Amino acid sequence: MFTEREPAVVRLSGEHDISTRDQLRRAFQAARENPRVIVDTVGVSYLDSTAVGEIARAAEHAARLPGGKLVIVARNQRLIRLLSIAGLTGTIPIVDTNADALALLADG
């Protein structure tokens, strides 16, 4: 059941590719019980398709929970373009700041 607890925040930094897939899975596993998830990618310098896939899976999981939603915080235009090419920008909101993400999640 949906509660009004704080959203889970998964902060990513550095480079994420197939070599960090297990680390990403653990980070998203830790947030699985929370229907509202913020993925903070401000510190990310590189993502490959493996990492994008983990984000997509986390978004799909959140969407299946009552009141669930995942929001990505991203400022890097190359990263946003990659997410767009992967088709995620049509289904996952992308905002500039954690405050914007919190506001978006508060609005439902």
Protein backbone atom coordinates (compact mmCIF):
# COMPACT_ATOMS: atom_id res chain seq x y z
CA MET A 1 0.00 0.00 0.00
CA PHE A 2 1.21 3.50 -0.85
CA THR A 3 2.47 5.54 2.07
CA GLU A 4 3.61 9.12 2.33
CA ARG A 5 7.18 8.23 3.26
CA GLU A 6 10.10 9.95 1.66
CA PRO A 7 11.06 8.73 -1.82
CA ALA A 8 14.05 6.42 -2.16
CA VAL A 9 17.03 8.17 -3.71
CA VAL A 10 19.50 6.17 -5.79
CA ARG A 11 22.57 8.37 -6.40
CA LEU A 12 24.80 7.28 -9.25
CA SER A 13 28.21 8.72 -9.95
CA GLY A 14 31.15 7.99 -12.19
CA GLU A 15 30.91 5.46 -15.00
CA HIS A 16 28.35 2.66 -15.20
CA ASP A 17 28.59 -0.17 -17.67
CA ILE A 18 28.43 -3.96 -17.64
CA SER A 19 31.19 -4.09 -15.03
CA THR A 20 29.00 -2.19 -12.52
CA ARG A 21 25.71 -3.98 -13.34
CA ASP A 22 25.66 -5.88 -10.02
CA GLN A 23 26.30 -2.66 -8.09
CA LEU A 24 23.40 -0.98 -9.91
CA ARG A 25 21.10 -3.93 -9.29
CA ARG A 26 21.88 -3.83 -5.56
CA ALA A 27 21.20 -0.09 -5.44
CA PHE A 28 17.84 -0.51 -7.12
CA GLN A 29 17.02 -3.59 -5.03
CA ALA A 30 17.47 -1.48 -1.90
CA ALA A 31 14.79 0.89 -3.23
CA ARG A 32 12.31 -1.79 -4.42
CA GLU A 33 9.88 -1.45 -1.53
CA ASN A 34 9.45 2.28 -2.00
CA PRO A 35 6.97 3.17 -4.75
CA ARG A 36 8.57 6.58 -5.32
CA VAL A 37 12.18 6.58 -6.53
CA ILE A 38 14.55 9.36 -7.53
CA VAL A 39 17.56 8.37 -9.64
CA ASP A 40 20.13 11.13 -9.23
CA THR A 41 22.56 10.98 -12.17
CA VAL A 42 24.14 14.40 -11.69
CA GLY A 43 27.51 12.80 -10.87
CA VAL A 44 27.44 10.33 -13.77
CA SER A 45 30.05 10.74 -16.47
CA TYR A 46 29.10 7.67 -18.54
CA LEU A 47 26.28 5.13 -18.87
CA ASP A 48 26.08 2.26 -21.31
CA SER A 49 23.04 0.28 -22.41
CA THR A 50 23.42 -2.11 -19.46
CA ALA A 51 23.00 0.74 -16.99
CA VAL A 52 20.14 2.25 -18.99
CA GLY A 53 18.45 -1.16 -18.89
CA GLU A 54 18.74 -1.29 -15.09
CA ILE A 55 17.12 2.15 -14.83
CA ALA A 56 14.32 1.04 -17.17
CA ARG A 57 13.70 -2.10 -15.07
CA ALA A 58 13.57 -0.02 -11.89
CA ALA A 59 11.07 2.35 -13.53
CA GLU A 60 8.89 -0.57 -14.64
CA HIS A 61 8.94 -1.99 -11.13
CA ALA A 62 8.03 1.35 -9.54
CA ALA A 63 5.17 1.81 -12.01
CA ARG A 64 3.64 -1.52 -10.93
CA LEU A 65 3.42 -0.39 -7.29
CA PRO A 66 0.40 1.61 -6.10
CA GLY A 67 1.31 5.28 -6.44
CA GLY A 68 4.66 4.28 -7.93
CA LYS A 69 6.83 6.50 -10.06
CA LEU A 70 10.51 6.87 -10.86
CA VAL A 71 12.01 10.26 -11.71
CA ILE A 72 15.52 10.86 -13.09
CA VAL A 73 17.57 13.90 -12.11
CA ALA A 74 19.93 14.69 -14.99
CA ARG A 75 21.71 17.76 -16.28
CA ASN A 76 24.20 16.19 -18.69
CA GLN A 77 22.74 16.67 -22.18
CA ARG A 78 24.64 13.66 -23.57
CA LEU A 79 23.12 11.47 -20.87
CA ILE A 80 19.65 12.88 -21.53
CA ARG A 81 20.14 12.21 -25.25
CA LEU A 82 21.12 8.60 -24.49
CA LEU A 83 18.01 8.15 -22.35
CA SER A 84 15.96 9.64 -25.19
CA ILE A 85 17.47 7.30 -27.78
CA ALA A 86 16.66 4.40 -25.45
CA GLY A 87 13.03 5.57 -25.41
CA LEU A 88 12.95 6.39 -21.70
CA THR A 89 12.20 10.10 -21.91
CA GLY A 90 8.68 9.36 -23.12
CA THR A 91 7.84 7.35 -20.01
CA ILE A 92 10.18 8.54 -17.26
CA PRO A 93 10.22 12.19 -16.17
CA ILE A 94 13.64 13.84 -16.27
CA VAL A 95 14.20 16.95 -14.18
CA ASP A 96 17.16 19.21 -13.34
CA THR A 97 17.22 19.01 -9.54
CA ASN A 98 16.27 16.77 -6.63
CA ALA A 99 13.87 19.51 -5.48
CA ASP A 100 12.10 19.29 -8.85
CA ALA A 101 11.93 15.51 -8.51
CA LEU A 102 10.44 15.76 -5.02
CA ALA A 103 7.85 18.27 -6.24
CA LEU A 104 6.92 16.04 -9.16
CA LEU A 105 6.53 13.01 -6.90
CA ALA A 106 4.47 15.03 -4.42
CA ASP A 107 2.08 16.01 -7.21
CA GLY A 108 1.46 12.34 -7.93
